[in-house]
Amino acid sequence: MTDINKRSKLHVEGILPKEFLYDLGTYLQTCAHIELVTAALVVCLKGELSSEDDWYTHYSRIRKLPTKDLIKKLRSSANAAVEFGFNKDLLVLCDWLTRFTSNRHIAVHGAFFFAAKVIFCVLTTQGTQEVRMNQTIRKIEKR
């Protein structure tokens, strides 16, 4: 394993503050985990058990769907969630995922070369109100 303090800096580390890169990575991993759990929910709500042979195959197929299609699958699974008592929560989650999908795309595909205020404006106009991101931006602006 490479000691992070002994490796050479990546280009992006020279143009963006490490706090921002850390927050961005944390945000992206959170998005990824939400998508993984969403895929598992879709498969389980179809009545498949994780102990069954085909479960992982179906789960893998669902988790590779584009985000928009994954949300559609989750929304269509809400009726199956009635018996477990969380169908309304599932629909709220679908609405939340739909609302913030563009933030995820900006975070994944955006090349952040802008001033901190511009990054903040782009993300907040999309609805993100993350406290840690705000704190990071304030730190960047003080530099």
C-alpha atoms as a PDB file:
ATOM      1  CA  MET A   1       0.000   0.000   0.000  1.00  0.00           C
ATOM      2  CA  THR A   2       1.309   3.424  -0.958  1.00  0.00           C
ATOM      3  CA  ASP A   3       1.873   5.932   1.794  1.00  0.00           C
ATOM      4  CA  ILE A   4      -0.268   8.911   0.772  1.00  0.00           C
ATOM      5  CA  ASN A   5       2.330  11.322   2.128  1.00  0.00           C
ATOM      6  CA  LYS A   6       5.111   9.852  -0.052  1.00  0.00           C
ATOM      7  CA  ARG A   7       3.328   9.665  -3.414  1.00  0.00           C
ATOM      8  CA  SER A   8       3.428  12.432  -6.007  1.00  0.00           C
ATOM      9  CA  LYS A   9       0.532  14.832  -6.195  1.00  0.00           C
ATOM     10  CA  LEU A  10      -2.103  14.337  -8.826  1.00  0.00           C
ATOM     11  CA  HIS A  11      -2.793  17.275 -11.134  1.00  0.00           C
ATOM     12  CA  VAL A  12      -6.209  17.923  -9.585  1.00  0.00           C
ATOM     13  CA  GLU A  13      -4.617  18.189  -6.131  1.00  0.00           C
ATOM     14  CA  GLY A  14      -2.687  21.185  -7.389  1.00  0.00           C
ATOM     15  CA  ILE A  15      -5.757  23.069  -8.572  1.00  0.00           C
ATOM     16  CA  LEU A  16      -8.394  22.192  -5.971  1.00  0.00           C
ATOM     17  CA  PRO A  17      -8.158  22.245  -2.172  1.00  0.00           C
ATOM     18  CA  LYS A  18      -7.892  18.845  -0.523  1.00  0.00           C
ATOM     19  CA  GLU A  19     -10.913  19.615   1.680  1.00  0.00           C
ATOM     20  CA  PHE A  20     -13.046  20.073  -1.426  1.00  0.00           C
ATOM     21  CA  LEU A  21     -11.712  16.868  -2.986  1.00  0.00           C
ATOM     22  CA  TYR A  22     -12.393  14.960   0.236  1.00  0.00           C
ATOM     23  CA  ASP A  23     -15.950  16.336   0.450  1.00  0.00           C
ATOM     24  CA  LEU A  24     -16.543  15.537  -3.207  1.00  0.00           C
ATOM     25  CA  GLY A  25     -15.319  11.962  -2.703  1.00  0.00           C
ATOM     26  CA  THR A  26     -17.501  11.533   0.370  1.00  0.00           C
ATOM     27  CA  TYR A  27     -20.517  12.852  -1.526  1.00  0.00           C
ATOM     28  CA  LEU A  28     -19.887  10.537  -4.483  1.00  0.00           C
ATOM     29  CA  GLN A  29     -19.452   7.482  -2.262  1.00  0.00           C
ATOM     30  CA  THR A  30     -22.704   8.363  -0.502  1.00  0.00           C
ATOM     31  CA  CYS A  31     -24.452   8.532  -3.893  1.00  0.00           C
ATOM     32  CA  ALA A  32     -22.938   5.181  -4.888  1.00  0.00           C
ATOM     33  CA  HIS A  33     -24.078   3.498  -1.698  1.00  0.00           C
ATOM     34  CA  ILE A  34     -27.596   4.884  -2.075  1.00  0.00           C
ATOM     35  CA  GLU A  35     -27.680   3.450  -5.605  1.00  0.00           C
ATOM     36  CA  LEU A  36     -26.414   0.053  -4.420  1.00  0.00           C
ATOM     37  CA  VAL A  37     -29.057  -0.163  -1.700  1.00  0.00           C
ATOM     38  CA  THR A  38     -31.700   1.007  -4.187  1.00  0.00           C
ATOM     39  CA  ALA A  39     -30.773  -1.822  -6.571  1.00  0.00           C
ATOM     40  CA  ALA A  40     -30.934  -4.358  -3.733  1.00  0.00           C
ATOM     41  CA  LEU A  41     -34.350  -3.034  -2.668  1.00  0.00           C
ATOM     42  CA  VAL A  42     -35.711  -3.371  -6.197  1.00  0.00           C
ATOM     43  CA  VAL A  43     -34.601  -7.003  -6.429  1.00  0.00           C
ATOM     44  CA  CYS A  44     -35.788  -7.904  -2.911  1.00  0.00           C
ATOM     45  CA  LEU A  45     -39.160  -6.253  -3.436  1.00  0.00           C
ATOM     46  CA  LYS A  46     -39.623  -8.482  -6.475  1.00  0.00           C
ATOM     47  CA  GLY A  47     -39.657 -11.314  -3.944  1.00  0.00           C
ATOM     48  CA  GLU A  48     -36.171 -12.609  -4.595  1.00  0.00           C
ATOM     49  CA  LEU A  49     -34.056 -13.658  -1.643  1.00  0.00           C
ATOM     50  CA  SER A  50     -30.347 -12.928  -1.446  1.00  0.00           C
ATOM     51  CA  SER A  51     -29.776 -16.619  -0.751  1.00  0.00           C
ATOM     52  CA  GLU A  52     -31.155 -17.562  -4.188  1.00  0.00           C
ATOM     53  CA  ASP A  53     -28.743 -18.268  -7.026  1.00  0.00           C
ATOM     54  CA  ASP A  54     -30.167 -15.667  -9.428  1.00  0.00           C
ATOM     55  CA  TRP A  55     -30.369 -12.837  -6.893  1.00  0.00           C
ATOM     56  CA  TYR A  56     -26.875 -11.474  -7.518  1.00  0.00           C
ATOM     57  CA  THR A  57     -27.316 -11.672 -11.296  1.00  0.00           C
ATOM     58  CA  HIS A  58     -30.539  -9.653 -11.118  1.00  0.00           C
ATOM     59  CA  TYR A  59     -29.025  -7.236  -8.596  1.00  0.00           C
ATOM     60  CA  SER A  60     -26.005  -6.647 -10.853  1.00  0.00           C
ATOM     61  CA  ARG A  61     -28.241  -5.996 -13.859  1.00  0.00           C
ATOM     62  CA  ILE A  62     -30.347  -3.465 -11.905  1.00  0.00           C
ATOM     63  CA  ARG A  63     -27.383  -1.620 -10.371  1.00  0.00           C
ATOM     64  CA  LYS A  64     -25.876  -1.013 -13.823  1.00  0.00           C
ATOM     65  CA  LEU A  65     -28.976   0.832 -15.022  1.00  0.00           C
ATOM     66  CA  PRO A  66     -28.727   4.561 -15.667  1.00  0.00           C
ATOM     67  CA  THR A  67     -29.863   6.542 -12.635  1.00  0.00           C
ATOM     68  CA  LYS A  68     -33.124   7.620 -14.294  1.00  0.00           C
ATOM     69  CA  ASP A  69     -34.053   3.978 -15.043  1.00  0.00           C
ATOM     70  CA  LEU A  70     -33.031   2.851 -11.552  1.00  0.00           C
ATOM     71  CA  ILE A  71     -35.402   5.434 -10.053  1.00  0.00           C
ATOM     72  CA  LYS A  72     -38.216   4.223 -12.340  1.00  0.00           C
ATOM     73  CA  LYS A  73     -37.643   0.637 -11.165  1.00  0.00           C
ATOM     74  CA  LEU A  74     -37.650   1.756  -7.544  1.00  0.00           C
ATOM     75  CA  ARG A  75     -40.863   3.750  -8.017  1.00  0.00           C
ATOM     76  CA  SER A  76     -42.559   0.735  -9.605  1.00  0.00           C
ATOM     77  CA  SER A  77     -41.478  -1.338  -6.595  1.00  0.00           C
ATOM     78  CA  ALA A  78     -43.383   0.884  -4.159  1.00  0.00           C
ATOM     79  CA  ASN A  79     -46.560  -1.220  -4.354  1.00  0.00           C
ATOM     80  CA  ALA A  80     -44.610  -4.262  -3.180  1.00  0.00           C
ATOM     81  CA  ALA A  81     -43.364  -2.236  -0.183  1.00  0.00           C
ATOM     82  CA  VAL A  82     -46.922  -1.688   1.130  1.00  0.00           C
ATOM     83  CA  GLU A  83     -46.898  -4.968   3.060  1.00  0.00           C
ATOM     84  CA  PHE A  84     -43.662  -3.932   4.775  1.00  0.00           C
ATOM     85  CA  GLY A  85     -44.986  -0.471   5.654  1.00  0.00           C
ATOM     86  CA  PHE A  86     -42.482   1.703   3.838  1.00  0.00           C
ATOM     87  CA  ASN A  87     -44.069   2.325   0.430  1.00  0.00           C
ATOM     88  CA  LYS A  88     -44.622   6.035   1.165  1.00  0.00           C
ATOM     89  CA  ASP A  89     -41.008   6.387   2.286  1.00  0.00           C
ATOM     90  CA  LEU A  90     -39.917   4.701  -0.926  1.00  0.00           C
ATOM     91  CA  LEU A  91     -41.879   7.218  -2.997  1.00  0.00           C
ATOM     92  CA  VAL A  92     -40.327  10.082  -1.012  1.00  0.00           C
ATOM     93  CA  LEU A  93     -36.906   8.574  -1.731  1.00  0.00           C
ATOM     94  CA  CYS A  94     -37.760   8.362  -5.447  1.00  0.00           C
ATOM     95  CA  ASP A  95     -38.727  12.037  -5.474  1.00  0.00           C
ATOM     96  CA  TRP A  96     -35.530  12.960  -3.608  1.00  0.00           C
ATOM     97  CA  LEU A  97     -33.353  10.936  -5.999  1.00  0.00           C
ATOM     98  CA  THR A  98     -35.065  12.531  -8.998  1.00  0.00           C
ATOM     99  CA  ARG A  99     -34.607  16.000  -7.525  1.00  0.00           C
ATOM    100  CA  PHE A 100     -30.881  15.565  -6.866  1.00  0.00           C
ATOM    101  CA  THR A 101     -29.791  13.417  -9.824  1.00  0.00           C
ATOM    102  CA  SER A 102     -28.342  16.422 -11.632  1.00  0.00           C
ATOM    103  CA  ASN A 103     -26.196  17.225  -8.565  1.00  0.00           C
ATOM    104  CA  ARG A 104     -24.776  13.708  -8.728  1.00  0.00           C
ATOM    105  CA  HIS A 105     -24.043  14.153 -12.437  1.00  0.00           C
ATOM    106  CA  ILE A 106     -22.343  17.499 -11.839  1.00  0.00           C
ATOM    107  CA  ALA A 107     -20.217  15.940  -9.093  1.00  0.00           C
ATOM    108  CA  VAL A 108     -19.252  12.931 -11.223  1.00  0.00           C
ATOM    109  CA  HIS A 109     -18.710  14.637 -14.562  1.00  0.00           C
ATOM    110  CA  GLY A 110     -17.841  18.169 -13.561  1.00  0.00           C
ATOM    111  CA  ALA A 111     -14.306  19.370 -13.954  1.00  0.00           C
ATOM    112  CA  PHE A 112     -14.068  21.964 -11.220  1.00  0.00           C
ATOM    113  CA  PHE A 113     -11.785  24.743 -12.400  1.00  0.00           C
ATOM    114  CA  PHE A 114     -14.035  27.533 -11.179  1.00  0.00           C
ATOM    115  CA  ALA A 115     -13.846  29.838  -8.218  1.00  0.00           C
ATOM    116  CA  ALA A 116     -15.458  28.434  -5.095  1.00  0.00           C
ATOM    117  CA  LYS A 117     -18.417  30.819  -5.385  1.00  0.00           C
ATOM    118  CA  VAL A 118     -19.210  29.523  -8.875  1.00  0.00           C
ATOM    119  CA  ILE A 119     -19.103  25.894  -7.705  1.00  0.00           C
ATOM    120  CA  PHE A 120     -21.341  26.797  -4.782  1.00  0.00           C
ATOM    121  CA  CYS A 121     -23.822  28.606  -7.043  1.00  0.00           C
ATOM    122  CA  VAL A 122     -24.021  25.736  -9.519  1.00  0.00           C
ATOM    123  CA  LEU A 123     -24.628  23.185  -6.780  1.00  0.00           C
ATOM    124  CA  THR A 124     -27.065  25.280  -4.760  1.00  0.00           C
ATOM    125  CA  THR A 125     -29.163  26.184  -7.788  1.00  0.00           C
ATOM    126  CA  GLN A 126     -29.574  22.453  -8.220  1.00  0.00           C
ATOM    127  CA  GLY A 127     -30.771  22.155  -4.619  1.00  0.00           C
ATOM    128  CA  THR A 128     -27.704  21.027  -2.671  1.00  0.00           C
ATOM    129  CA  GLN A 129     -27.475  22.603   0.771  1.00  0.00           C
ATOM    130  CA  GLU A 130     -24.655  20.509   2.237  1.00  0.00           C
ATOM    131  CA  VAL A 131     -23.160  22.017   5.384  1.00  0.00           C
ATOM    132  CA  ARG A 132     -19.719  20.507   4.845  1.00  0.00           C
ATOM    133  CA  MET A 133     -19.601  21.869   1.284  1.00  0.00           C
ATOM    134  CA  ASN A 134     -20.529  25.324   2.582  1.00  0.00           C
ATOM    135  CA  GLN A 135     -17.794  25.122   5.218  1.00  0.00           C
ATOM    136  CA  THR A 136     -15.257  24.045   2.606  1.00  0.00           C
ATOM    137  CA  ILE A 137     -16.227  26.887   0.306  1.00  0.00           C
ATOM    138  CA  ARG A 138     -15.833  29.403   3.128  1.00  0.00           C
ATOM    139  CA  LYS A 139     -12.339  28.017   3.795  1.00  0.00           C
ATOM    140  CA  ILE A 140     -11.459  28.305   0.094  1.00  0.00           C
ATOM    141  CA  GLU A 141     -12.695  31.893  -0.067  1.00  0.00           C
ATOM    142  CA  LYS A 142     -10.504  32.853   2.896  1.00  0.00           C
ATOM    143  CA  ARG A 143      -7.371  31.830   0.990  1.00  0.00           C
END
